[in-house]
Structures are given as structure tokens and as C-alpha cells.
N, C-alpha and C. Protein backbone atom coordinates (compact mmCIF):
# COMPACT_ATOMS: atom_id res chain seq x y z
N UNK A 1 18.25 -2.15 5.39
CA UNK A 1 17.12 -1.64 4.64
C UNK A 1 15.82 -1.96 5.39
N UNK A 2 14.97 -0.96 5.48
CA UNK A 2 13.67 -1.14 6.12
C UNK A 2 12.67 -1.57 5.05
N UNK A 3 11.80 -2.53 5.39
CA UNK A 3 10.86 -3.09 4.41
C UNK A 3 9.42 -2.91 4.86
N UNK A 4 8.62 -2.30 3.98
CA UNK A 4 7.20 -2.10 4.23
C UNK A 4 6.41 -2.94 3.24
N UNK A 5 5.44 -3.68 3.75
CA UNK A 5 4.57 -4.49 2.90
C UNK A 5 3.16 -3.92 2.99
N UNK A 6 2.57 -3.62 1.85
CA UNK A 6 1.21 -3.10 1.76
C UNK A 6 0.30 -4.20 1.23
N UNK A 7 -0.84 -4.42 1.89
CA UNK A 7 -1.72 -5.52 1.49
C UNK A 7 -3.14 -5.02 1.27
N UNK A 8 -3.70 -5.39 0.12
CA UNK A 8 -5.12 -5.14 -0.14
C UNK A 8 -5.74 -6.45 -0.64
N UNK A 9 -6.92 -6.37 -1.17
CA UNK A 9 -7.60 -7.59 -1.59
C UNK A 9 -7.01 -8.13 -2.89
N UNK A 10 -7.21 -7.41 -3.99
CA UNK A 10 -6.78 -7.91 -5.30
C UNK A 10 -5.48 -7.36 -5.81
N UNK A 11 -4.90 -6.38 -5.10
CA UNK A 11 -3.64 -5.75 -5.48
C UNK A 11 -3.73 -5.09 -6.86
N UNK A 12 -4.91 -4.49 -7.11
CA UNK A 12 -5.13 -3.83 -8.41
C UNK A 12 -5.38 -2.33 -8.29
N UNK A 13 -5.58 -1.79 -7.09
CA UNK A 13 -5.80 -0.35 -6.97
C UNK A 13 -5.10 0.27 -5.77
N UNK A 14 -5.66 0.16 -4.58
CA UNK A 14 -5.13 0.92 -3.44
C UNK A 14 -3.68 0.64 -3.11
N UNK A 15 -3.32 -0.62 -2.87
CA UNK A 15 -1.94 -0.87 -2.44
C UNK A 15 -0.92 -0.55 -3.54
N UNK A 16 -1.19 -0.83 -4.83
CA UNK A 16 -0.22 -0.39 -5.85
C UNK A 16 -0.12 1.14 -5.95
N UNK A 17 -1.24 1.84 -5.74
CA UNK A 17 -1.21 3.30 -5.77
C UNK A 17 -0.37 3.83 -4.62
N UNK A 18 -0.59 3.29 -3.42
CA UNK A 18 0.18 3.74 -2.26
C UNK A 18 1.66 3.38 -2.42
N UNK A 19 1.93 2.21 -2.95
CA UNK A 19 3.30 1.79 -3.20
C UNK A 19 4.00 2.80 -4.12
N UNK A 20 3.36 3.16 -5.20
CA UNK A 20 3.96 4.10 -6.16
C UNK A 20 4.19 5.47 -5.53
N UNK A 21 3.21 5.95 -4.76
CA UNK A 21 3.34 7.24 -4.09
C UNK A 21 4.50 7.22 -3.08
N UNK A 22 4.56 6.16 -2.28
CA UNK A 22 5.64 6.06 -1.29
C UNK A 22 7.01 5.96 -1.94
N UNK A 23 7.12 5.14 -2.96
CA UNK A 23 8.42 5.00 -3.63
C UNK A 23 8.90 6.36 -4.15
N UNK A 24 7.99 7.12 -4.72
CA UNK A 24 8.36 8.44 -5.24
C UNK A 24 8.82 9.36 -4.12
N UNK A 25 8.10 9.38 -3.02
CA UNK A 25 8.43 10.28 -1.91
C UNK A 25 9.70 9.86 -1.16
N UNK A 26 10.01 8.57 -1.18
CA UNK A 26 11.17 8.07 -0.45
C UNK A 26 12.47 8.19 -1.24
N UNK A 27 12.39 8.54 -2.51
CA UNK A 27 13.59 8.66 -3.35
C UNK A 27 14.58 9.68 -2.81
N UNK A 28 14.09 10.72 -2.14
CA UNK A 28 14.97 11.82 -1.72
C UNK A 28 15.74 11.54 -0.43
N UNK A 29 15.51 10.40 0.19
CA UNK A 29 16.18 10.08 1.45
C UNK A 29 17.38 9.17 1.23
N UNK A 30 18.39 9.33 2.08
CA UNK A 30 19.60 8.53 1.96
C UNK A 30 19.38 7.07 2.31
N UNK A 31 18.63 6.84 3.37
CA UNK A 31 18.38 5.46 3.78
C UNK A 31 17.35 4.83 2.86
N UNK A 32 17.59 3.59 2.50
CA UNK A 32 16.71 2.90 1.57
C UNK A 32 15.56 2.22 2.31
N UNK A 33 14.39 2.34 1.72
CA UNK A 33 13.20 1.67 2.21
C UNK A 33 12.60 0.90 1.04
N UNK A 34 12.37 -0.37 1.25
CA UNK A 34 11.73 -1.19 0.22
C UNK A 34 10.23 -1.17 0.48
N UNK A 35 9.46 -0.89 -0.56
CA UNK A 35 8.00 -0.88 -0.45
C UNK A 35 7.46 -1.88 -1.45
N UNK A 36 6.68 -2.82 -0.95
CA UNK A 36 6.11 -3.86 -1.81
C UNK A 36 4.61 -3.93 -1.54
N UNK A 37 3.83 -4.20 -2.58
CA UNK A 37 2.40 -4.39 -2.37
C UNK A 37 1.96 -5.73 -2.93
N UNK A 38 1.03 -6.36 -2.20
CA UNK A 38 0.51 -7.67 -2.56
C UNK A 38 -0.99 -7.71 -2.25
N UNK A 39 -1.64 -8.79 -2.68
CA UNK A 39 -3.05 -8.96 -2.38
C UNK A 39 -3.34 -10.32 -1.78
N UNK A 40 -4.43 -10.42 -1.06
CA UNK A 40 -4.80 -11.70 -0.44
C UNK A 40 -5.61 -12.57 -1.40
N UNK A 41 -6.10 -11.97 -2.49
CA UNK A 41 -6.91 -12.73 -3.44
C UNK A 41 -6.65 -12.23 -4.87
N UNK A 42 -5.48 -12.55 -5.38
CA UNK A 42 -5.08 -12.10 -6.72
C UNK A 42 -5.41 -13.18 -7.73
N UNK A 43 -6.10 -12.79 -8.78
CA UNK A 43 -6.44 -13.72 -9.85
C UNK A 43 -5.34 -13.77 -10.90
N UNK A 44 -5.20 -14.93 -11.52
CA UNK A 44 -4.21 -15.07 -12.57
C UNK A 44 -4.54 -14.12 -13.72
N UNK A 45 -3.56 -13.37 -14.15
CA UNK A 45 -3.75 -12.42 -15.24
C UNK A 45 -4.32 -11.08 -14.81
N UNK A 46 -4.58 -10.89 -13.51
CA UNK A 46 -5.09 -9.60 -13.04
C UNK A 46 -4.07 -8.50 -13.34
N UNK A 47 -4.57 -7.28 -13.53
CA UNK A 47 -3.72 -6.13 -13.78
C UNK A 47 -4.17 -4.96 -12.91
N UNK A 48 -3.26 -4.04 -12.67
CA UNK A 48 -3.63 -2.81 -11.99
C UNK A 48 -4.65 -2.12 -12.88
N UNK A 49 -5.73 -1.61 -12.28
CA UNK A 49 -6.79 -1.00 -13.08
C UNK A 49 -6.30 0.25 -13.80
N UNK A 50 -6.87 0.49 -14.95
CA UNK A 50 -6.52 1.68 -15.71
C UNK A 50 -6.91 2.93 -14.93
N UNK A 51 -8.00 2.85 -14.19
CA UNK A 51 -8.42 4.00 -13.38
C UNK A 51 -7.37 4.35 -12.32
N UNK A 52 -6.76 3.34 -11.73
CA UNK A 52 -5.71 3.59 -10.73
C UNK A 52 -4.51 4.24 -11.41
N UNK A 53 -4.15 3.73 -12.56
CA UNK A 53 -3.02 4.31 -13.31
C UNK A 53 -3.31 5.77 -13.66
N UNK A 54 -4.52 6.02 -14.15
CA UNK A 54 -4.90 7.39 -14.53
C UNK A 54 -4.94 8.33 -13.33
N UNK A 55 -5.39 7.83 -12.19
CA UNK A 55 -5.50 8.68 -10.99
C UNK A 55 -4.13 9.21 -10.55
N UNK A 56 -3.08 8.43 -10.77
CA UNK A 56 -1.74 8.88 -10.35
C UNK A 56 -1.03 9.71 -11.40
N UNK A 57 -1.59 9.79 -12.60
CA UNK A 57 -0.97 10.63 -13.63
C UNK A 57 -0.94 12.09 -13.20
N UNK A 58 -1.95 12.53 -12.46
CA UNK A 58 -1.95 13.93 -11.99
C UNK A 58 -0.84 14.19 -10.97
N UNK A 59 -0.26 13.12 -10.42
CA UNK A 59 0.87 13.24 -9.50
C UNK A 59 2.20 13.00 -10.24
N UNK A 60 2.09 12.87 -11.56
CA UNK A 60 3.26 12.55 -12.41
C UNK A 60 3.92 11.25 -11.99
N UNK A 61 3.10 10.27 -11.63
CA UNK A 61 3.60 8.97 -11.22
C UNK A 61 3.00 7.90 -12.13
N UNK A 62 3.87 7.03 -12.59
CA UNK A 62 3.45 5.90 -13.41
C UNK A 62 3.53 4.65 -12.54
N UNK A 63 2.44 3.91 -12.47
CA UNK A 63 2.45 2.66 -11.71
C UNK A 63 3.08 1.57 -12.56
N UNK A 64 4.15 1.00 -12.06
CA UNK A 64 4.82 -0.12 -12.72
C UNK A 64 4.69 -1.32 -11.78
N UNK A 65 3.58 -2.01 -11.91
CA UNK A 65 3.29 -3.08 -10.96
C UNK A 65 2.39 -4.13 -11.60
N UNK A 66 2.67 -5.36 -11.27
CA UNK A 66 1.81 -6.48 -11.66
C UNK A 66 1.29 -7.08 -10.36
N UNK A 67 -0.03 -7.28 -10.23
CA UNK A 67 -0.56 -7.83 -8.97
C UNK A 67 0.14 -9.12 -8.54
N UNK A 68 0.41 -9.18 -7.23
CA UNK A 68 1.16 -10.30 -6.63
C UNK A 68 0.34 -10.89 -5.49
N UNK A 69 0.27 -12.20 -5.44
CA UNK A 69 -0.42 -12.90 -4.36
C UNK A 69 0.45 -12.90 -3.10
N UNK A 70 -0.15 -12.58 -1.96
CA UNK A 70 0.56 -12.61 -0.69
C UNK A 70 1.10 -14.00 -0.39
N UNK A 71 2.34 -14.04 0.09
CA UNK A 71 2.98 -15.29 0.53
C UNK A 71 3.49 -15.08 1.95
N UNK A 72 3.60 -16.15 2.68
CA UNK A 72 4.10 -16.09 4.05
C UNK A 72 5.47 -15.43 4.11
N UNK A 73 6.31 -15.69 3.11
CA UNK A 73 7.65 -15.11 3.09
C UNK A 73 7.60 -13.58 3.04
N UNK A 74 6.57 -13.04 2.36
CA UNK A 74 6.42 -11.59 2.30
C UNK A 74 6.22 -11.02 3.71
N UNK A 75 5.37 -11.68 4.48
CA UNK A 75 5.10 -11.23 5.85
C UNK A 75 6.36 -11.34 6.71
N UNK A 76 7.07 -12.43 6.56
CA UNK A 76 8.27 -12.65 7.36
C UNK A 76 9.37 -11.66 7.02
N UNK A 77 9.49 -11.29 5.77
CA UNK A 77 10.56 -10.40 5.31
C UNK A 77 10.31 -8.95 5.71
N UNK A 78 9.04 -8.56 5.82
CA UNK A 78 8.69 -7.16 6.08
C UNK A 78 8.98 -6.77 7.53
N UNK A 79 9.35 -5.51 7.70
CA UNK A 79 9.50 -4.94 9.05
C UNK A 79 8.17 -4.41 9.54
N UNK A 80 7.39 -3.85 8.64
CA UNK A 80 6.06 -3.33 8.94
C UNK A 80 5.11 -3.75 7.82
N UNK A 81 3.91 -4.17 8.22
CA UNK A 81 2.88 -4.58 7.26
C UNK A 81 1.68 -3.67 7.48
N UNK A 82 1.17 -3.08 6.39
CA UNK A 82 -0.01 -2.23 6.47
C UNK A 82 -1.08 -2.79 5.56
N UNK A 83 -2.25 -3.09 6.16
CA UNK A 83 -3.37 -3.61 5.37
C UNK A 83 -4.30 -2.45 5.03
N UNK A 84 -4.93 -2.54 3.89
CA UNK A 84 -5.83 -1.46 3.47
C UNK A 84 -7.14 -1.47 4.25
N UNK A 85 -7.48 -2.63 4.86
CA UNK A 85 -8.74 -2.71 5.61
C UNK A 85 -8.53 -3.42 6.95
N UNK A 86 -9.47 -3.18 7.85
CA UNK A 86 -9.49 -3.91 9.13
C UNK A 86 -9.75 -5.39 8.88
N UNK A 87 -10.57 -5.69 7.86
CA UNK A 87 -10.91 -7.08 7.55
C UNK A 87 -9.68 -7.89 7.17
N UNK A 88 -8.81 -7.30 6.37
CA UNK A 88 -7.58 -8.00 5.98
C UNK A 88 -6.68 -8.19 7.20
N UNK A 89 -6.61 -7.19 8.05
CA UNK A 89 -5.83 -7.34 9.28
C UNK A 89 -6.38 -8.48 10.13
N UNK A 90 -7.70 -8.55 10.26
CA UNK A 90 -8.32 -9.64 11.02
C UNK A 90 -8.04 -10.99 10.38
N UNK A 91 -8.09 -11.04 9.06
CA UNK A 91 -7.80 -12.26 8.31
C UNK A 91 -6.39 -12.78 8.63
N UNK A 92 -5.47 -11.86 8.84
CA UNK A 92 -4.07 -12.22 9.11
C UNK A 92 -3.76 -12.31 10.60
N UNK A 93 -4.76 -12.10 11.46
CA UNK A 93 -4.52 -12.01 12.91
C UNK A 93 -3.94 -13.28 13.52
N UNK A 94 -4.18 -14.43 12.93
CA UNK A 94 -3.64 -15.67 13.46
C UNK A 94 -2.24 -15.97 12.96
N UNK A 95 -1.72 -15.13 12.10
CA UNK A 95 -0.40 -15.35 11.53
C UNK A 95 0.69 -15.08 12.56
N UNK A 96 1.78 -15.79 12.45
CA UNK A 96 2.91 -15.63 13.36
C UNK A 96 3.47 -14.19 13.30
N UNK A 97 3.23 -13.51 12.20
CA UNK A 97 3.73 -12.14 12.02
C UNK A 97 2.71 -11.07 12.41
N UNK A 98 1.63 -11.45 13.07
CA UNK A 98 0.54 -10.52 13.41
C UNK A 98 1.01 -9.31 14.21
N UNK A 99 2.08 -9.47 14.98
CA UNK A 99 2.57 -8.37 15.83
C UNK A 99 3.04 -7.16 15.03
N UNK A 100 3.34 -7.32 13.76
CA UNK A 100 3.82 -6.19 12.96
C UNK A 100 2.84 -5.79 11.86
N UNK A 101 1.59 -6.23 11.99
CA UNK A 101 0.55 -5.92 11.00
C UNK A 101 -0.37 -4.84 11.56
N UNK A 102 -0.54 -3.77 10.78
CA UNK A 102 -1.38 -2.64 11.15
C UNK A 102 -2.37 -2.36 10.03
N UNK A 103 -3.57 -1.94 10.40
CA UNK A 103 -4.53 -1.49 9.40
C UNK A 103 -4.17 -0.04 9.04
N UNK A 104 -4.71 0.44 7.94
CA UNK A 104 -4.48 1.85 7.56
C UNK A 104 -4.94 2.77 8.69
N UNK A 105 -6.07 2.44 9.31
CA UNK A 105 -6.57 3.28 10.40
C UNK A 105 -5.54 3.36 11.52
N UNK A 106 -4.90 2.25 11.85
CA UNK A 106 -3.88 2.25 12.90
C UNK A 106 -2.62 2.99 12.44
N UNK A 107 -2.26 2.81 11.18
CA UNK A 107 -1.00 3.37 10.68
C UNK A 107 -1.07 4.87 10.41
N UNK A 108 -2.21 5.34 9.89
CA UNK A 108 -2.29 6.75 9.49
C UNK A 108 -3.48 7.50 10.10
N UNK A 109 -4.36 6.79 10.79
CA UNK A 109 -5.47 7.45 11.47
C UNK A 109 -6.79 7.47 10.73
N UNK A 110 -6.84 6.89 9.54
CA UNK A 110 -8.09 6.87 8.78
C UNK A 110 -8.10 5.70 7.80
N UNK A 111 -9.30 5.33 7.39
CA UNK A 111 -9.48 4.27 6.40
C UNK A 111 -9.35 4.84 4.99
N UNK A 112 -9.06 3.97 4.05
CA UNK A 112 -8.99 4.36 2.65
C UNK A 112 -10.08 3.59 1.91
N UNK A 113 -11.10 4.29 1.42
CA UNK A 113 -12.20 3.60 0.74
C UNK A 113 -11.74 2.90 -0.55
N UNK A 114 -12.32 1.76 -0.81
CA UNK A 114 -11.98 0.99 -2.01
C UNK A 114 -12.68 1.60 -3.22
N UNK A 115 -11.91 2.05 -4.22
CA UNK A 115 -12.53 2.67 -5.39
C UNK A 115 -13.01 1.68 -6.45
N UNK A 116 -12.65 0.41 -6.29
CA UNK A 116 -12.90 -0.58 -7.34
C UNK A 116 -14.37 -0.62 -7.74
N UNK A 117 -14.61 -0.39 -9.01
CA UNK A 117 -15.96 -0.45 -9.54
C UNK A 117 -16.79 0.80 -9.38
N UNK A 118 -16.21 1.87 -8.83
CA UNK A 118 -16.97 3.08 -8.57
C UNK A 118 -16.61 4.25 -9.48
N UNK A 119 -15.83 4.02 -10.50
CA UNK A 119 -15.57 5.05 -11.50
C UNK A 119 -14.38 5.94 -11.22
N UNK A 120 -14.11 6.78 -12.22
CA UNK A 120 -12.93 7.63 -12.23
C UNK A 120 -12.84 8.57 -11.03
N UNK A 121 -13.94 9.20 -10.68
CA UNK A 121 -13.92 10.15 -9.55
C UNK A 121 -13.52 9.45 -8.26
N UNK A 122 -14.02 8.26 -8.06
CA UNK A 122 -13.69 7.49 -6.86
C UNK A 122 -12.19 7.20 -6.78
N UNK A 123 -11.58 6.90 -7.92
CA UNK A 123 -10.14 6.64 -7.96
C UNK A 123 -9.34 7.91 -7.68
N UNK A 124 -9.81 9.03 -8.21
CA UNK A 124 -9.13 10.31 -7.95
C UNK A 124 -9.21 10.67 -6.47
N UNK A 125 -10.36 10.46 -5.86
CA UNK A 125 -10.52 10.73 -4.43
C UNK A 125 -9.64 9.79 -3.61
N UNK A 126 -9.59 8.54 -4.01
CA UNK A 126 -8.74 7.55 -3.33
C UNK A 126 -7.28 7.96 -3.43
N UNK A 127 -6.85 8.42 -4.61
CA UNK A 127 -5.46 8.85 -4.79
C UNK A 127 -5.13 10.00 -3.84
N UNK A 128 -6.06 10.94 -3.67
CA UNK A 128 -5.83 12.07 -2.76
C UNK A 128 -5.68 11.59 -1.31
N UNK A 129 -6.52 10.64 -0.91
CA UNK A 129 -6.44 10.08 0.44
C UNK A 129 -5.12 9.32 0.61
N UNK A 130 -4.73 8.55 -0.39
CA UNK A 130 -3.47 7.81 -0.32
C UNK A 130 -2.26 8.74 -0.32
N UNK A 131 -2.37 9.86 -1.02
CA UNK A 131 -1.28 10.84 -1.01
C UNK A 131 -1.08 11.38 0.40
N UNK A 132 -2.19 11.69 1.06
CA UNK A 132 -2.12 12.15 2.46
C UNK A 132 -1.56 11.04 3.36
N UNK A 133 -2.02 9.81 3.14
CA UNK A 133 -1.52 8.67 3.93
C UNK A 133 -0.02 8.48 3.73
N UNK A 134 0.43 8.62 2.50
CA UNK A 134 1.86 8.44 2.23
C UNK A 134 2.69 9.50 2.94
N UNK A 135 2.17 10.73 3.02
CA UNK A 135 2.88 11.78 3.77
C UNK A 135 3.01 11.40 5.25
N UNK A 136 1.96 10.85 5.81
CA UNK A 136 1.97 10.44 7.23
C UNK A 136 2.95 9.28 7.43
N UNK A 137 2.96 8.33 6.52
CA UNK A 137 3.88 7.19 6.63
C UNK A 137 5.32 7.68 6.56
N UNK A 138 5.61 8.57 5.63
CA UNK A 138 6.97 9.12 5.51
C UNK A 138 7.36 9.86 6.79
N UNK A 139 6.45 10.65 7.32
CA UNK A 139 6.72 11.37 8.57
C UNK A 139 6.98 10.40 9.72
N UNK A 140 6.20 9.33 9.79
CA UNK A 140 6.40 8.33 10.85
C UNK A 140 7.75 7.61 10.67
N UNK A 141 8.15 7.36 9.44
CA UNK A 141 9.46 6.75 9.19
C UNK A 141 10.58 7.68 9.64
N UNK A 142 10.40 8.98 9.40
CA UNK A 142 11.41 9.96 9.85
C UNK A 142 11.50 9.96 11.38
N UNK A 143 10.35 10.03 12.04
CA UNK A 143 10.32 10.06 13.51
C UNK A 143 10.95 8.81 14.10
N UNK A 144 10.79 7.67 13.43
CA UNK A 144 11.34 6.41 13.93
C UNK A 144 12.80 6.21 13.54
N UNK A 145 13.36 7.17 12.79
CA UNK A 145 14.76 7.07 12.39
C UNK A 145 15.03 6.05 11.31
N UNK A 146 14.02 5.70 10.55
CA UNK A 146 14.17 4.71 9.49
C UNK A 146 14.63 5.34 8.17
N UNK A 147 14.42 6.65 8.05
CA UNK A 147 14.89 7.37 6.86
C UNK A 147 15.58 8.66 7.30
């Protein structure tokens, strides 16, 4: 099984949205891919934002996720790690697993703006960008023979 780890700051919007989109798109393939999302700064009791949940309703996707704090074991277990920002990638650059950590820009060719605190429209725009990113990730997995 191939394992992808998605990392954002609070694990309340972008990475859970991308996780849900990828899981849905990967269902149709025979080979299994595990997709997990975590955050580098998750607060106790944090939840995925309602705006993120609502943004994926138009894709007929329900986010079933509780924010998770990043652990070293997560990095070690993953085959590929994708951070939502260059800053998070830099934060992890000294880690023993740095060789398999990519920013969204490296993985899909563009950044994904953080919608947190910017309202419903921002979340909808973010969902559209993440949908495009998920298509690129799936295509890259196909090219690499992982699915």
C-alpha cells in the first residue's frame, strides 16, 4: 500500500479537504493508497471548519475527519509527504524524512491559498484549487505505477 501524508497548519481546512477529495477519486483504482492529513499546530478540541465541510458538499463529499497533530511516526510511515505551504516544508527540512517531503508547489505546480478566516467564497475557491490539485496527484500516482 502506498501512503500519502498531507500536512497543513491546523488540519482544519486545506489538508482535510484534499484528503477527502483524494480518497473519493482513488476509490476506483485496484491498488490501495492510504491518504492521511495532519497539522503542525493542532489545538485540543479543534474541528474541521464548517466552511470546509460546506465547500465539499458541492462535490458530494462529506469530510469525516478530526484534526490530528503531526507525529514523527506519521512522517516515517508515509511514502510521500505533501505540505500545504513552503513554510511548513521549511519547518520540516531538518527532519530525517525531509527527502520525501514536497510542498504543494513542488507536487502539483501551484500553491493553495489558506481560506481560514476569509469566508465562504474563499473556501469554495480553495476547494476548486484542491480539486485540480487532487487530479494532478492522481495522475502522478498513475504515471508512477502506484495505482
